[in-house]
PDB file of N, CA and C in Angstrom:
ATOM      1  N   MET A   1      26.015  -5.225 -38.137  1.00  0.00           N
ATOM      2  CA  MET A   1      24.725  -5.469 -37.532  1.00  0.00           C
ATOM      3  C   MET A   1      24.864  -6.392 -36.314  1.00  0.00           C
ATOM      4  N   ILE A   2      25.622  -7.465 -36.449  1.00  0.00           N
ATOM      5  CA  ILE A   2      25.831  -8.402 -35.343  1.00  0.00           C
ATOM      6  C   ILE A   2      26.585  -7.710 -34.212  1.00  0.00           C
ATOM      7  N   LYS A   3      27.568  -6.879 -34.592  1.00  0.00           N
ATOM      8  CA  LYS A   3      28.353  -6.165 -33.573  1.00  0.00           C
ATOM      9  C   LYS A   3      27.445  -5.255 -32.736  1.00  0.00           C
ATOM     10  N   LEU A   4      26.538  -4.566 -33.388  1.00  0.00           N
ATOM     11  CA  LEU A   4      25.602  -3.683 -32.690  1.00  0.00           C
ATOM     12  C   LEU A   4      24.676  -4.482 -31.775  1.00  0.00           C
ATOM     13  N   MET A   5      24.214  -5.624 -32.231  1.00  0.00           N
ATOM     14  CA  MET A   5      23.347  -6.470 -31.406  1.00  0.00           C
ATOM     15  C   MET A   5      24.092  -6.966 -30.167  1.00  0.00           C
ATOM     16  N   LEU A   6      25.351  -7.359 -30.328  1.00  0.00           N
ATOM     17  CA  LEU A   6      26.134  -7.837 -29.192  1.00  0.00           C
ATOM     18  C   LEU A   6      26.401  -6.720 -28.189  1.00  0.00           C
ATOM     19  N   ILE A   7      26.689  -5.535 -28.677  1.00  0.00           N
ATOM     20  CA  ILE A   7      26.912  -4.387 -27.786  1.00  0.00           C
ATOM     21  C   ILE A   7      25.625  -4.062 -27.034  1.00  0.00           C
ATOM     22  N   SER A   8      24.501  -4.074 -27.729  1.00  0.00           N
ATOM     23  CA  SER A   8      23.208  -3.799 -27.091  1.00  0.00           C
ATOM     24  C   SER A   8      22.895  -4.845 -26.027  1.00  0.00           C
ATOM     25  N   LEU A   9      23.140  -6.101 -26.354  1.00  0.00           N
ATOM     26  CA  LEU A   9      22.907  -7.176 -25.404  1.00  0.00           C
ATOM     27  C   LEU A   9      23.806  -7.032 -24.180  1.00  0.00           C
ATOM     28  N   ALA A  10      25.054  -6.629 -24.387  1.00  0.00           N
ATOM     29  CA  ALA A  10      25.980  -6.429 -23.273  1.00  0.00           C
ATOM     30  C   ALA A  10      25.513  -5.283 -22.374  1.00  0.00           C
ATOM     31  N   VAL A  11      25.038  -4.205 -22.955  1.00  0.00           N
ATOM     32  CA  VAL A  11      24.548  -3.061 -22.177  1.00  0.00           C
ATOM     33  C   VAL A  11      23.333  -3.466 -21.344  1.00  0.00           C
ATOM     34  N   VAL A  12      22.419  -4.203 -21.944  1.00  0.00           N
ATOM     35  CA  VAL A  12      21.233  -4.656 -21.225  1.00  0.00           C
ATOM     36  C   VAL A  12      21.630  -5.607 -20.098  1.00  0.00           C
ATOM     37  N   ALA A  13      22.581  -6.492 -20.352  1.00  0.00           N
ATOM     38  CA  ALA A  13      23.024  -7.441 -19.329  1.00  0.00           C
ATOM     39  C   ALA A  13      23.671  -6.720 -18.156  1.00  0.00           C
ATOM     40  N   VAL A  14      24.493  -5.717 -18.428  1.00  0.00           N
ATOM     41  CA  VAL A  14      25.134  -4.946 -17.359  1.00  0.00           C
ATOM     42  C   VAL A  14      24.076  -4.190 -16.552  1.00  0.00           C
ATOM     43  N   ALA A  15      23.116  -3.580 -17.232  1.00  0.00           N
ATOM     44  CA  ALA A  15      22.056  -2.848 -16.536  1.00  0.00           C
ATOM     45  C   ALA A  15      21.242  -3.799 -15.646  1.00  0.00           C
ATOM     46  N   PHE A  16      20.923  -4.963 -16.152  1.00  0.00           N
ATOM     47  CA  PHE A  16      20.177  -5.956 -15.370  1.00  0.00           C
ATOM     48  C   PHE A  16      20.982  -6.387 -14.149  1.00  0.00           C
ATOM     49  N   ALA A  17      22.283  -6.617 -14.337  1.00  0.00           N
ATOM     50  CA  ALA A  17      23.134  -7.037 -13.220  1.00  0.00           C
ATOM     51  C   ALA A  17      23.209  -5.945 -12.154  1.00  0.00           C
ATOM     52  N   LEU A  18      23.348  -4.698 -12.572  1.00  0.00           N
ATOM     53  CA  LEU A  18      23.426  -3.601 -11.609  1.00  0.00           C
ATOM     54  C   LEU A  18      22.106  -3.418 -10.859  1.00  0.00           C
ATOM     55  N   LEU A  19      20.991  -3.606 -11.535  1.00  0.00           N
ATOM     56  CA  LEU A  19      19.696  -3.478 -10.875  1.00  0.00           C
ATOM     57  C   LEU A  19      19.427  -4.604  -9.883  1.00  0.00           C
ATOM     58  N   SER A  20      20.050  -5.747 -10.091  1.00  0.00           N
ATOM     59  CA  SER A  20      19.760  -6.889  -9.234  1.00  0.00           C
ATOM     60  C   SER A  20      20.840  -7.161  -8.189  1.00  0.00           C
ATOM     61  N   ILE A  21      21.760  -6.229  -7.983  1.00  0.00           N
ATOM     62  CA  ILE A  21      22.819  -6.430  -6.991  1.00  0.00           C
ATOM     63  C   ILE A  21      22.241  -6.694  -5.609  1.00  0.00           C
ATOM     64  N   LYS A  22      21.267  -5.903  -5.209  1.00  0.00           N
ATOM     65  CA  LYS A  22      20.671  -6.075  -3.881  1.00  0.00           C
ATOM     66  C   LYS A  22      20.013  -7.446  -3.750  1.00  0.00           C
ATOM     67  N   LEU A  23      19.382  -7.902  -4.818  1.00  0.00           N
ATOM     68  CA  LEU A  23      18.732  -9.203  -4.773  1.00  0.00           C
ATOM     69  C   LEU A  23      19.746 -10.335  -4.671  1.00  0.00           C
ATOM     70  N   LEU A  24      20.874 -10.160  -5.327  1.00  0.00           N
ATOM     71  CA  LEU A  24      21.864 -11.229  -5.377  1.00  0.00           C
ATOM     72  C   LEU A  24      22.737 -11.295  -4.137  1.00  0.00           C
ATOM     73  N   LEU A  25      23.096 -10.158  -3.585  1.00  0.00           N
ATOM     74  CA  LEU A  25      24.078 -10.127  -2.508  1.00  0.00           C
ATOM     75  C   LEU A  25      23.472 -10.183  -1.106  1.00  0.00           C
ATOM     76  N   LYS A  26      22.245  -9.805  -0.948  1.00  0.00           N
ATOM     77  CA  LYS A  26      21.631  -9.742   0.368  1.00  0.00           C
ATOM     78  C   LYS A  26      20.753 -10.967   0.597  1.00  0.00           C
ATOM     79  N   ARG A  27      20.864 -11.555   1.759  1.00  0.00           N
ATOM     80  CA  ARG A  27      20.003 -12.693   2.079  1.00  0.00           C
ATOM     81  C   ARG A  27      18.563 -12.199   2.169  1.00  0.00           C
ATOM     82  N   ASN A  28      17.675 -12.907   1.549  1.00  0.00           N
ATOM     83  CA  ASN A  28      16.266 -12.518   1.439  1.00  0.00           C
ATOM     84  C   ASN A  28      16.112 -11.123   0.846  1.00  0.00           C
ATOM     85  N   GLY A  29      17.012 -10.765  -0.057  1.00  0.00           N
ATOM     86  CA  GLY A  29      16.951  -9.450  -0.689  1.00  0.00           C
ATOM     87  C   GLY A  29      15.732  -9.316  -1.574  1.00  0.00           C
ATOM     88  N   LYS A  30      15.169  -8.132  -1.610  1.00  0.00           N
ATOM     89  CA  LYS A  30      14.030  -7.860  -2.477  1.00  0.00           C
ATOM     90  C   LYS A  30      14.003  -6.373  -2.767  1.00  0.00           C
ATOM     91  N   PHE A  31      13.305  -6.011  -3.822  1.00  0.00           N
ATOM     92  CA  PHE A  31      13.149  -4.605  -4.152  1.00  0.00           C
ATOM     93  C   PHE A  31      12.199  -3.967  -3.160  1.00  0.00           C
ATOM     94  N   SER A  32      12.527  -2.766  -2.739  1.00  0.00           N
ATOM     95  CA  SER A  32      11.620  -2.070  -1.823  1.00  0.00           C
ATOM     96  C   SER A  32      10.407  -1.574  -2.609  1.00  0.00           C
ATOM     97  N   SER A  33       9.341  -1.384  -1.899  1.00  0.00           N
ATOM     98  CA  SER A  33       8.110  -0.927  -2.531  1.00  0.00           C
ATOM     99  C   SER A  33       8.283   0.496  -3.033  1.00  0.00           C
ATOM    100  N   GLN A  34       7.761   0.762  -4.197  1.00  0.00           N
ATOM    101  CA  GLN A  34       7.845   2.092  -4.788  1.00  0.00           C
ATOM    102  C   GLN A  34       6.534   2.865  -4.656  1.00  0.00           C
ATOM    103  N   HIS A  35       5.592   2.323  -3.908  1.00  0.00           N
ATOM    104  CA  HIS A  35       4.312   2.984  -3.730  1.00  0.00           C
ATOM    105  C   HIS A  35       4.426   4.116  -2.715  1.00  0.00           C
ATOM    106  N   VAL A  36       3.696   5.165  -2.947  1.00  0.00           N
ATOM    107  CA  VAL A  36       3.731   6.342  -2.083  1.00  0.00           C
ATOM    108  C   VAL A  36       3.293   5.988  -0.667  1.00  0.00           C
ATOM    109  N   HIS A  37       2.276   5.152  -0.533  1.00  0.00           N
ATOM    110  CA  HIS A  37       1.749   4.851   0.802  1.00  0.00           C
ATOM    111  C   HIS A  37       2.705   3.999   1.626  1.00  0.00           C
ATOM    112  N   ASP A  38       3.744   3.425   1.022  1.00  0.00           N
ATOM    113  CA  ASP A  38       4.719   2.628   1.759  1.00  0.00           C
ATOM    114  C   ASP A  38       5.945   3.435   2.172  1.00  0.00           C
ATOM    115  N   ASN A  39       5.985   4.710   1.828  1.00  0.00           N
ATOM    116  CA  ASN A  39       7.139   5.549   2.126  1.00  0.00           C
ATOM    117  C   ASN A  39       6.865   6.360   3.390  1.00  0.00           C
ATOM    118  N   PRO A  40       7.591   6.074   4.498  1.00  0.00           N
ATOM    119  CA  PRO A  40       7.303   6.785   5.747  1.00  0.00           C
ATOM    120  C   PRO A  40       7.588   8.284   5.672  1.00  0.00           C
ATOM    121  N   GLY A  41       8.563   8.701   4.902  1.00  0.00           N
ATOM    122  CA  GLY A  41       8.866  10.125   4.781  1.00  0.00           C
ATOM    123  C   GLY A  41       7.735  10.895   4.126  1.00  0.00           C
ATOM    124  N   LEU A  42       7.145  10.317   3.098  1.00  0.00           N
ATOM    125  CA  LEU A  42       6.021  10.979   2.439  1.00  0.00           C
ATOM    126  C   LEU A  42       4.781  10.970   3.315  1.00  0.00           C
ATOM    127  N   ARG A  43       4.575   9.879   4.034  1.00  0.00           N
ATOM    128  CA  ARG A  43       3.424   9.824   4.945  1.00  0.00           C
ATOM    129  C   ARG A  43       3.547  10.882   6.029  1.00  0.00           C
ATOM    130  N   LYS A  44       4.765  11.089   6.538  1.00  0.00           N
ATOM    131  CA  LYS A  44       4.975  12.086   7.592  1.00  0.00           C
ATOM    132  C   LYS A  44       4.669  13.488   7.076  1.00  0.00           C
ATOM    133  N   GLN A  45       4.927  13.734   5.791  1.00  0.00           N
ATOM    134  CA  GLN A  45       4.641  15.041   5.192  1.00  0.00           C
ATOM    135  C   GLN A  45       3.184  15.183   4.769  1.00  0.00           C
ATOM    136  N   GLY A  46       2.415  14.106   4.902  1.00  0.00           N
ATOM    137  CA  GLY A  46       1.002  14.158   4.544  1.00  0.00           C
ATOM    138  C   GLY A  46       0.747  13.961   3.065  1.00  0.00           C
ATOM    139  N   ILE A  47       1.710  13.418   2.337  1.00  0.00           N
ATOM    140  CA  ILE A  47       1.551  13.181   0.910  1.00  0.00           C
ATOM    141  C   ILE A  47       0.959  11.786   0.724  1.00  0.00           C
ATOM    142  N   HIS A  48      -0.125  11.705  -0.043  1.00  0.00           N
ATOM    143  CA  HIS A  48      -0.825  10.447  -0.241  1.00  0.00           C
ATOM    144  C   HIS A  48      -0.789  10.046  -1.706  1.00  0.00           C
ATOM    145  N   CYS A  49      -1.188   8.831  -1.945  1.00  0.00           N
ATOM    146  CA  CYS A  49      -1.359   8.309  -3.292  1.00  0.00           C
ATOM    147  C   CYS A  49      -2.501   9.076  -3.960  1.00  0.00           C
ATOM    148  N   VAL A  50      -2.421   9.239  -5.260  1.00  0.00           N
ATOM    149  CA  VAL A  50      -3.465   9.976  -5.974  1.00  0.00           C
ATOM    150  C   VAL A  50      -4.822   9.289  -5.829  1.00  0.00           C
ATOM    151  N   MET A  51      -4.834   7.981  -5.728  1.00  0.00           N
ATOM    152  CA  MET A  51      -6.105   7.266  -5.539  1.00  0.00           C
ATOM    153  C   MET A  51      -6.703   7.591  -4.172  1.00  0.00           C
ATOM    154  N   ASP A  52      -5.849   7.666  -3.144  1.00  0.00           N
ATOM    155  CA  ASP A  52      -6.339   8.029  -1.812  1.00  0.00           C
ATOM    156  C   ASP A  52      -6.838   9.469  -1.792  1.00  0.00           C
ATOM    157  N   GLN A  53      -6.107  10.371  -2.457  1.00  0.00           N
ATOM    158  CA  GLN A  53      -6.528  11.764  -2.506  1.00  0.00           C
ATOM    159  C   GLN A  53      -7.857  11.907  -3.231  1.00  0.00           C
ATOM    160  N   ASP A  54      -8.044  11.163  -4.309  1.00  0.00           N
ATOM    161  CA  ASP A  54      -9.296  11.221  -5.052  1.00  0.00           C
ATOM    162  C   ASP A  54     -10.454  10.710  -4.203  1.00  0.00           C
ATOM    163  N   ARG A  55     -10.230   9.609  -3.490  1.00  0.00           N
ATOM    164  CA  ARG A  55     -11.278   9.053  -2.634  1.00  0.00           C
ATOM    165  C   ARG A  55     -11.652  10.044  -1.538  1.00  0.00           C
ATOM    166  N   GLU A  56     -10.641  10.675  -0.921  1.00  0.00           N
ATOM    167  CA  GLU A  56     -10.920  11.656   0.137  1.00  0.00           C
ATOM    168  C   GLU A  56     -11.688  12.855  -0.417  1.00  0.00           C
ATOM    169  N   ALA A  57     -11.323  13.308  -1.609  1.00  0.00           N
ATOM    170  CA  ALA A  57     -12.015  14.451  -2.211  1.00  0.00           C
ATOM    171  C   ALA A  57     -13.459  14.104  -2.542  1.00  0.00           C
ATOM    172  N   ARG A  58     -13.687  12.891  -3.018  1.00  0.00           N
ATOM    173  CA  ARG A  58     -15.054  12.480  -3.331  1.00  0.00           C
ATOM    174  C   ARG A  58     -15.894  12.377  -2.060  1.00  0.00           C
ATOM    175  N   GLU A  59     -15.292  11.936  -0.966  1.00  0.00           N
ATOM    176  CA  GLU A  59     -16.017  11.850   0.292  1.00  0.00           C
ATOM    177  C   GLU A  59     -16.394  13.244   0.802  1.00  0.00           C
ATOM    178  N   ARG A  60     -15.551  14.233   0.506  1.00  0.00           N
ATOM    179  CA  ARG A  60     -15.824  15.615   0.925  1.00  0.00           C
ATOM    180  C   ARG A  60     -16.618  16.378  -0.128  1.00  0.00           C
ATOM    181  N   ASN A  61     -16.989  15.727  -1.222  1.00  0.00           N
ATOM    182  CA  ASN A  61     -17.648  16.374  -2.355  1.00  0.00           C
ATOM    183  C   ASN A  61     -16.794  17.488  -2.934  1.00  0.00           C
ATOM    184  N   GLY A  62     -15.493  17.314  -2.910  1.00  0.00           N
ATOM    185  CA  GLY A  62     -14.608  18.336  -3.454  1.00  0.00           C
ATOM    186  C   GLY A  62     -13.954  17.923  -4.748  1.00  0.00           C
ATOM    187  N   ALA A  63     -14.323  16.777  -5.300  1.00  0.00           N
ATOM    188  CA  ALA A  63     -13.718  16.312  -6.553  1.00  0.00           C
ATOM    189  C   ALA A  63     -14.391  17.014  -7.725  1.00  0.00           C
ATOM    190  N   TYR A  64     -13.609  17.341  -8.709  1.00  0.00           N
ATOM    191  CA  TYR A  64     -14.170  18.040  -9.884  1.00  0.00           C
ATOM    192  C   TYR A  64     -14.202  17.099 -11.048  1.00  0.00           C
TER     193      TYR A  64
END
């Protein structure tokens, strides 16, 4: 039981370390935004956040 807990803790620690590499190694490092409206590639394709799409549909009376 203890062996399994230690292995689980080690896996979680490695995953945490790998996820935070950018934060640790880069000066003023931070996670990039994962929101659709902050992604220039999606904006260029005309893809919006579902909340924005819902608001636009309601303004056009096209929401169901």
